[in-house]
């Protein structure tokens, strides 16, 4: 996962990763539970980008589409 510079300072307190020159932080987590990865990424919102695996990215999209549909929001 890649975190914005804003989130990097908090994430960096509990996870080791690679600090990029622009202040963003990349962290590789062992994936034992896709649901955990989805919840973790969503808690950071726009401050977190899931780089891989694709299955986590797809589940985030699906979950957000379900939320939008339940709110009557038309997809993009």
PDB file of N, CA and C in Angstrom:
ATOM      1  N   UNK A   1       0.852  -1.157   0.000  1.00  0.00           N
ATOM      2  CA  UNK A   1       0.000   0.000   0.000  1.00  0.00           C
ATOM      3  C   UNK A   1       0.900   1.223   0.000  1.00  0.00           C
ATOM      4  N   UNK A   2       0.409   2.261  -0.635  1.00  0.00           N
ATOM      5  CA  UNK A   2       1.145   3.525  -0.667  1.00  0.00           C
ATOM      6  C   UNK A   2       0.285   4.577   0.017  1.00  0.00           C
ATOM      7  N   UNK A   3       0.890   5.263   0.978  1.00  0.00           N
ATOM      8  CA  UNK A   3       0.190   6.278   1.752  1.00  0.00           C
ATOM      9  C   UNK A   3       0.701   7.661   1.376  1.00  0.00           C
ATOM     10  N   UNK A   4      -0.181   8.627   1.415  1.00  0.00           N
ATOM     11  CA  UNK A   4       0.222  10.004   1.166  1.00  0.00           C
ATOM     12  C   UNK A   4       1.161  10.452   2.276  1.00  0.00           C
ATOM     13  N   UNK A   5       1.852  11.549   2.035  1.00  0.00           N
ATOM     14  CA  UNK A   5       2.752  12.097   3.054  1.00  0.00           C
ATOM     15  C   UNK A   5       1.979  12.430   4.321  1.00  0.00           C
ATOM     16  N   UNK A   6       0.738  12.860   4.167  1.00  0.00           N
ATOM     17  CA  UNK A   6      -0.087  13.202   5.328  1.00  0.00           C
ATOM     18  C   UNK A   6      -0.330  11.985   6.220  1.00  0.00           C
ATOM     19  N   UNK A   7      -0.634  10.844   5.613  1.00  0.00           N
ATOM     20  CA  UNK A   7      -0.907   9.621   6.386  1.00  0.00           C
ATOM     21  C   UNK A   7       0.376   8.905   6.785  1.00  0.00           C
ATOM     22  N   UNK A   8       1.457   9.146   6.057  1.00  0.00           N
ATOM     23  CA  UNK A   8       2.707   8.407   6.282  1.00  0.00           C
ATOM     24  C   UNK A   8       3.227   8.542   7.708  1.00  0.00           C
ATOM     25  N   UNK A   9       3.057   9.693   8.293  1.00  0.00           N
ATOM     26  CA  UNK A   9       3.606   9.870   9.648  1.00  0.00           C
ATOM     27  C   UNK A   9       2.891   8.993  10.665  1.00  0.00           C
ATOM     28  N   UNK A  10       1.574   8.775  10.474  1.00  0.00           N
ATOM     29  CA  UNK A  10       0.840   7.904  11.405  1.00  0.00           C
ATOM     30  C   UNK A  10       1.091   6.434  11.107  1.00  0.00           C
ATOM     31  N   UNK A  11       1.058   6.089   9.853  1.00  0.00           N
ATOM     32  CA  UNK A  11       1.285   4.693   9.474  1.00  0.00           C
ATOM     33  C   UNK A  11       2.699   4.280   9.859  1.00  0.00           C
ATOM     34  N   UNK A  12       3.652   5.160   9.648  1.00  0.00           N
ATOM     35  CA  UNK A  12       5.043   4.870   9.958  1.00  0.00           C
ATOM     36  C   UNK A  12       5.322   4.593  11.423  1.00  0.00           C
ATOM     37  N   UNK A  13       4.405   4.990  12.304  1.00  0.00           N
ATOM     38  CA  UNK A  13       4.578   4.713  13.732  1.00  0.00           C
ATOM     39  C   UNK A  13       4.361   3.240  14.054  1.00  0.00           C
ATOM     40  N   UNK A  14       3.586   2.540  13.208  1.00  0.00           N
ATOM     41  CA  UNK A  14       3.265   1.146  13.510  1.00  0.00           C
ATOM     42  C   UNK A  14       3.665   0.162  12.413  1.00  0.00           C
ATOM     43  N   UNK A  15       4.176   0.669  11.293  1.00  0.00           N
ATOM     44  CA  UNK A  15       4.548  -0.223  10.191  1.00  0.00           C
ATOM     45  C   UNK A  15       5.842   0.255   9.556  1.00  0.00           C
ATOM     46  N   UNK A  16       6.677  -0.701   9.185  1.00  0.00           N
ATOM     47  CA  UNK A  16       7.914  -0.363   8.480  1.00  0.00           C
ATOM     48  C   UNK A  16       7.633  -0.332   6.991  1.00  0.00           C
ATOM     49  N   UNK A  17       8.249   0.599   6.330  1.00  0.00           N
ATOM     50  CA  UNK A  17       8.057   0.703   4.898  1.00  0.00           C
ATOM     51  C   UNK A  17       9.174   1.505   4.271  1.00  0.00           C
ATOM     52  N   UNK A  18       8.961   1.859   3.023  1.00  0.00           N
ATOM     53  CA  UNK A  18       9.931   2.644   2.268  1.00  0.00           C
ATOM     54  C   UNK A  18       9.415   4.064   2.137  1.00  0.00           C
ATOM     55  N   UNK A  19      10.165   5.006   2.692  1.00  0.00           N
ATOM     56  CA  UNK A  19       9.798   6.406   2.576  1.00  0.00           C
ATOM     57  C   UNK A  19      10.283   6.919   1.233  1.00  0.00           C
ATOM     58  N   UNK A  20       9.366   7.453   0.444  1.00  0.00           N
ATOM     59  CA  UNK A  20       9.697   7.968  -0.883  1.00  0.00           C
ATOM     60  C   UNK A  20      10.157   9.420  -0.776  1.00  0.00           C
ATOM     61  N   UNK A  21      10.898   9.908  -1.766  1.00  0.00           N
ATOM     62  CA  UNK A  21      11.424  11.280  -1.704  1.00  0.00           C
ATOM     63  C   UNK A  21      10.355  12.356  -1.507  1.00  0.00           C
ATOM     64  N   UNK A  22       9.137  12.105  -1.978  1.00  0.00           N
ATOM     65  CA  UNK A  22       8.072  13.105  -1.841  1.00  0.00           C
ATOM     66  C   UNK A  22       7.299  12.978  -0.524  1.00  0.00           C
ATOM     67  N   UNK A  23       7.771  12.106   0.379  1.00  0.00           N
ATOM     68  CA  UNK A  23       7.146  11.961   1.683  1.00  0.00           C
ATOM     69  C   UNK A  23       6.114  10.853   1.778  1.00  0.00           C
ATOM     70  N   UNK A  24       5.734  10.267   0.638  1.00  0.00           N
ATOM     71  CA  UNK A  24       4.800   9.142   0.690  1.00  0.00           C
ATOM     72  C   UNK A  24       5.512   7.923   1.257  1.00  0.00           C
ATOM     73  N   UNK A  25       4.741   6.967   1.724  1.00  0.00           N
ATOM     74  CA  UNK A  25       5.276   5.768   2.345  1.00  0.00           C
ATOM     75  C   UNK A  25       4.666   4.542   1.689  1.00  0.00           C
ATOM     76  N   UNK A  26       5.503   3.595   1.299  1.00  0.00           N
ATOM     77  CA  UNK A  26       5.031   2.322   0.763  1.00  0.00           C
ATOM     78  C   UNK A  26       5.297   1.238   1.790  1.00  0.00           C
ATOM     79  N   UNK A  27       4.254   0.458   2.082  1.00  0.00           N
ATOM     80  CA  UNK A  27       4.344  -0.623   3.065  1.00  0.00           C
ATOM     81  C   UNK A  27       3.827  -1.897   2.416  1.00  0.00           C
ATOM     82  N   UNK A  28       4.564  -2.976   2.616  1.00  0.00           N
ATOM     83  CA  UNK A  28       4.124  -4.278   2.131  1.00  0.00           C
ATOM     84  C   UNK A  28       3.671  -5.098   3.337  1.00  0.00           C
ATOM     85  N   UNK A  29       2.414  -5.502   3.310  1.00  0.00           N
ATOM     86  CA  UNK A  29       1.841  -6.308   4.391  1.00  0.00           C
ATOM     87  C   UNK A  29       1.667  -7.741   3.909  1.00  0.00           C
ATOM     88  N   UNK A  30       1.885  -8.721   4.790  1.00  0.00           N
ATOM     89  CA  UNK A  30       1.547 -10.091   4.415  1.00  0.00           C
ATOM     90  C   UNK A  30       0.018 -10.183   4.346  1.00  0.00           C
ATOM     91  N   UNK A  31      -0.493 -10.754   3.288  1.00  0.00           N
ATOM     92  CA  UNK A  31      -1.942 -10.788   3.107  1.00  0.00           C
ATOM     93  C   UNK A  31      -2.493 -12.139   3.527  1.00  0.00           C
ATOM     94  N   UNK A  32      -3.043 -12.175   4.719  1.00  0.00           N
ATOM     95  CA  UNK A  32      -3.679 -13.388   5.196  1.00  0.00           C
ATOM     96  C   UNK A  32      -5.188 -13.279   5.097  1.00  0.00           C
ATOM     97  N   UNK A  33      -5.676 -12.034   4.961  1.00  0.00           N
ATOM     98  CA  UNK A  33      -7.108 -11.790   4.994  1.00  0.00           C
ATOM     99  C   UNK A  33      -7.443 -10.592   4.104  1.00  0.00           C
ATOM    100  N   UNK A  34      -8.094 -10.854   2.997  1.00  0.00           N
ATOM    101  CA  UNK A  34      -8.478  -9.783   2.076  1.00  0.00           C
ATOM    102  C   UNK A  34      -9.379  -8.766   2.759  1.00  0.00           C
ATOM    103  N   UNK A  35     -10.282  -9.245   3.597  1.00  0.00           N
ATOM    104  CA  UNK A  35     -11.206  -8.337   4.277  1.00  0.00           C
ATOM    105  C   UNK A  35     -10.451  -7.329   5.143  1.00  0.00           C
ATOM    106  N   UNK A  36      -9.380  -7.777   5.812  1.00  0.00           N
ATOM    107  CA  UNK A  36      -8.582  -6.850   6.615  1.00  0.00           C
ATOM    108  C   UNK A  36      -7.978  -5.767   5.718  1.00  0.00           C
ATOM    109  N   UNK A  37      -7.418  -6.170   4.592  1.00  0.00           N
ATOM    110  CA  UNK A  37      -6.773  -5.210   3.688  1.00  0.00           C
ATOM    111  C   UNK A  37      -7.775  -4.184   3.179  1.00  0.00           C
ATOM    112  N   UNK A  38      -8.978  -4.622   2.861  1.00  0.00           N
ATOM    113  CA  UNK A  38     -10.016  -3.705   2.390  1.00  0.00           C
ATOM    114  C   UNK A  38     -10.373  -2.717   3.489  1.00  0.00           C
ATOM    115  N   UNK A  39     -10.632  -3.211   4.691  1.00  0.00           N
ATOM    116  CA  UNK A  39     -10.972  -2.316   5.808  1.00  0.00           C
ATOM    117  C   UNK A  39      -9.838  -1.337   6.096  1.00  0.00           C
ATOM    118  N   UNK A  40      -8.617  -1.835   6.083  1.00  0.00           N
ATOM    119  CA  UNK A  40      -7.465  -0.986   6.366  1.00  0.00           C
ATOM    120  C   UNK A  40      -7.353   0.142   5.340  1.00  0.00           C
ATOM    121  N   UNK A  41      -7.443  -0.205   4.077  1.00  0.00           N
ATOM    122  CA  UNK A  41      -7.334   0.815   3.024  1.00  0.00           C
ATOM    123  C   UNK A  41      -8.464   1.829   3.120  1.00  0.00           C
ATOM    124  N   UNK A  42      -9.681   1.360   3.344  1.00  0.00           N
ATOM    125  CA  UNK A  42     -10.820   2.273   3.407  1.00  0.00           C
ATOM    126  C   UNK A  42     -10.736   3.208   4.602  1.00  0.00           C
ATOM    127  N   UNK A  43     -10.117   2.783   5.677  1.00  0.00           N
ATOM    128  CA  UNK A  43     -10.006   3.669   6.842  1.00  0.00           C
ATOM    129  C   UNK A  43      -9.147   4.883   6.515  1.00  0.00           C
ATOM    130  N   UNK A  44      -8.230   4.759   5.569  1.00  0.00           N
ATOM    131  CA  UNK A  44      -7.373   5.882   5.185  1.00  0.00           C
ATOM    132  C   UNK A  44      -7.924   6.649   3.978  1.00  0.00           C
ATOM    133  N   UNK A  45      -8.956   6.123   3.345  1.00  0.00           N
ATOM    134  CA  UNK A  45      -9.590   6.830   2.231  1.00  0.00           C
ATOM    135  C   UNK A  45      -8.601   7.194   1.140  1.00  0.00           C
ATOM    136  N   UNK A  46      -8.654   8.435   0.726  1.00  0.00           N
ATOM    137  CA  UNK A  46      -7.791   8.913  -0.368  1.00  0.00           C
ATOM    138  C   UNK A  46      -6.316   8.943  -0.009  1.00  0.00           C
ATOM    139  N   UNK A  47      -6.012   8.757   1.263  1.00  0.00           N
ATOM    140  CA  UNK A  47      -4.616   8.775   1.701  1.00  0.00           C
ATOM    141  C   UNK A  47      -3.930   7.432   1.542  1.00  0.00           C
ATOM    142  N   UNK A  48      -4.630   6.441   0.980  1.00  0.00           N
ATOM    143  CA  UNK A  48      -4.061   5.104   0.805  1.00  0.00           C
ATOM    144  C   UNK A  48      -4.391   4.578  -0.586  1.00  0.00           C
ATOM    145  N   UNK A  49      -3.388   4.070  -1.251  1.00  0.00           N
ATOM    146  CA  UNK A  49      -3.568   3.432  -2.556  1.00  0.00           C
ATOM    147  C   UNK A  49      -3.117   1.981  -2.440  1.00  0.00           C
ATOM    148  N   UNK A  50      -3.998   1.076  -2.825  1.00  0.00           N
ATOM    149  CA  UNK A  50      -3.652  -0.345  -2.831  1.00  0.00           C
ATOM    150  C   UNK A  50      -2.925  -0.631  -4.141  1.00  0.00           C
ATOM    151  N   UNK A  51      -1.671  -1.032  -4.028  1.00  0.00           N
ATOM    152  CA  UNK A  51      -0.872  -1.320  -5.219  1.00  0.00           C
ATOM    153  C   UNK A  51      -1.109  -2.739  -5.708  1.00  0.00           C
ATOM    154  N   UNK A  52      -1.289  -3.656  -4.793  1.00  0.00           N
ATOM    155  CA  UNK A  52      -1.583  -5.045  -5.130  1.00  0.00           C
ATOM    156  C   UNK A  52      -2.003  -5.752  -3.848  1.00  0.00           C
ATOM    157  N   UNK A  53      -2.683  -6.858  -3.939  1.00  0.00           N
ATOM    158  CA  UNK A  53      -3.103  -7.566  -5.136  1.00  0.00           C
ATOM    159  C   UNK A  53      -4.373  -6.948  -5.739  1.00  0.00           C
ATOM    160  N   UNK A  54      -4.603  -7.255  -6.961  1.00  0.00           N
ATOM    161  CA  UNK A  54      -5.754  -6.735  -7.694  1.00  0.00           C
ATOM    162  C   UNK A  54      -7.068  -7.120  -7.011  1.00  0.00           C
ATOM    163  N   UNK A  55      -7.104  -8.282  -6.378  1.00  0.00           N
ATOM    164  CA  UNK A  55      -8.343  -8.726  -5.717  1.00  0.00           C
ATOM    165  C   UNK A  55      -8.775  -7.747  -4.623  1.00  0.00           C
ATOM    166  N   UNK A  56      -7.830  -7.145  -3.935  1.00  0.00           N
ATOM    167  CA  UNK A  56      -8.168  -6.164  -2.903  1.00  0.00           C
ATOM    168  C   UNK A  56      -8.707  -4.900  -3.553  1.00  0.00           C
ATOM    169  N   UNK A  57      -8.067  -4.460  -4.608  1.00  0.00           N
ATOM    170  CA  UNK A  57      -8.543  -3.277  -5.335  1.00  0.00           C
ATOM    171  C   UNK A  57      -9.964  -3.500  -5.843  1.00  0.00           C
ATOM    172  N   UNK A  58     -10.215  -4.670  -6.405  1.00  0.00           N
ATOM    173  CA  UNK A  58     -11.540  -4.991  -6.942  1.00  0.00           C
ATOM    174  C   UNK A  58     -12.597  -5.014  -5.837  1.00  0.00           C
ATOM    175  N   UNK A  59     -12.263  -5.558  -4.688  1.00  0.00           N
ATOM    176  CA  UNK A  59     -13.225  -5.613  -3.581  1.00  0.00           C
ATOM    177  C   UNK A  59     -13.534  -4.223  -3.053  1.00  0.00           C
ATOM    178  N   UNK A  60     -12.546  -3.339  -3.035  1.00  0.00           N
ATOM    179  CA  UNK A  60     -12.791  -1.954  -2.603  1.00  0.00           C
ATOM    180  C   UNK A  60     -13.765  -1.284  -3.555  1.00  0.00           C
ATOM    181  N   UNK A  61     -13.547  -1.440  -4.845  1.00  0.00           N
ATOM    182  CA  UNK A  61     -14.445  -0.857  -5.841  1.00  0.00           C
ATOM    183  C   UNK A  61     -15.857  -1.408  -5.662  1.00  0.00           C
ATOM    184  N   UNK A  62     -15.969  -2.730  -5.513  1.00  0.00           N
ATOM    185  CA  UNK A  62     -17.281  -3.354  -5.343  1.00  0.00           C
ATOM    186  C   UNK A  62     -17.987  -2.831  -4.096  1.00  0.00           C
ATOM    187  N   UNK A  63     -17.248  -2.704  -3.014  1.00  0.00           N
ATOM    188  CA  UNK A  63     -17.844  -2.226  -1.769  1.00  0.00           C
ATOM    189  C   UNK A  63     -18.321  -0.789  -1.907  1.00  0.00           C
ATOM    190  N   UNK A  64     -17.510   0.051  -2.529  1.00  0.00           N
ATOM    191  CA  UNK A  64     -17.903   1.447  -2.711  1.00  0.00           C
ATOM    192  C   UNK A  64     -19.102   1.573  -3.645  1.00  0.00           C
ATOM    193  N   UNK A  65     -19.152   0.735  -4.664  1.00  0.00           N
ATOM    194  CA  UNK A  65     -20.313   0.744  -5.568  1.00  0.00           C
ATOM    195  C   UNK A  65     -21.584   0.333  -4.817  1.00  0.00           C
ATOM    196  N   UNK A  66     -21.481  -0.652  -3.921  1.00  0.00           N
ATOM    197  CA  UNK A  66     -22.651  -1.051  -3.127  1.00  0.00           C
ATOM    198  C   UNK A  66     -23.123   0.084  -2.224  1.00  0.00           C
ATOM    199  N   UNK A  67     -22.183   0.778  -1.611  1.00  0.00           N
ATOM    200  CA  UNK A  67     -22.551   1.904  -0.758  1.00  0.00           C
ATOM    201  C   UNK A  67     -23.233   2.994  -1.574  1.00  0.00           C
ATOM    202  N   UNK A  68     -22.667   3.306  -2.720  1.00  0.00           N
ATOM    203  CA  UNK A  68     -23.259   4.336  -3.577  1.00  0.00           C
ATOM    204  C   UNK A  68     -24.666   3.926  -4.014  1.00  0.00           C
ATOM    205  N   UNK A  69     -24.845   2.671  -4.395  1.00  0.00           N
ATOM    206  CA  UNK A  69     -26.146   2.191  -4.835  1.00  0.00           C
ATOM    207  C   UNK A  69     -27.165   2.284  -3.689  1.00  0.00           C
ATOM    208  N   UNK A  70     -26.724   1.962  -2.484  1.00  0.00           N
ATOM    209  CA  UNK A  70     -27.652   2.015  -1.345  1.00  0.00           C
ATOM    210  C   UNK A  70     -28.061   3.446  -1.012  1.00  0.00           C
ATOM    211  N   UNK A  71     -27.242   4.406  -1.434  1.00  0.00           N
ATOM    212  CA  UNK A  71     -27.531   5.824  -1.211  1.00  0.00           C
ATOM    213  C   UNK A  71     -28.224   6.463  -2.398  1.00  0.00           C
ATOM    214  N   UNK A  72     -28.469   5.655  -3.449  1.00  0.00           N
ATOM    215  CA  UNK A  72     -29.122   6.183  -4.646  1.00  0.00           C
ATOM    216  C   UNK A  72     -28.225   7.020  -5.523  1.00  0.00           C
ATOM    217  N   UNK A  73     -26.918   6.855  -5.369  1.00  0.00           N
ATOM    218  CA  UNK A  73     -25.958   7.606  -6.163  1.00  0.00           C
ATOM    219  C   UNK A  73     -25.679   6.829  -7.445  1.00  0.00           C
ATOM    220  N   UNK A  74     -25.745   7.511  -8.570  1.00  0.00           N
ATOM    221  CA  UNK A  74     -25.474   6.882  -9.844  1.00  0.00           C
ATOM    222  C   UNK A  74     -23.964   6.763 -10.028  1.00  0.00           C
ATOM    223  N   UNK A  75     -23.487   5.589 -10.485  1.00  0.00           N
ATOM    224  CA  UNK A  75     -22.053   5.358 -10.685  1.00  0.00           C
ATOM    225  C   UNK A  75     -21.459   6.270 -11.722  1.00  0.00           C
ATOM    226  N   UNK A  76     -20.113   6.268 -11.781  1.00  0.00           N
ATOM    227  CA  UNK A  76     -19.405   7.173 -12.699  1.00  0.00           C
ATOM    228  C   UNK A  76     -19.356   6.648 -14.090  1.00  0.00           C
TER     229      UNK A  76
END
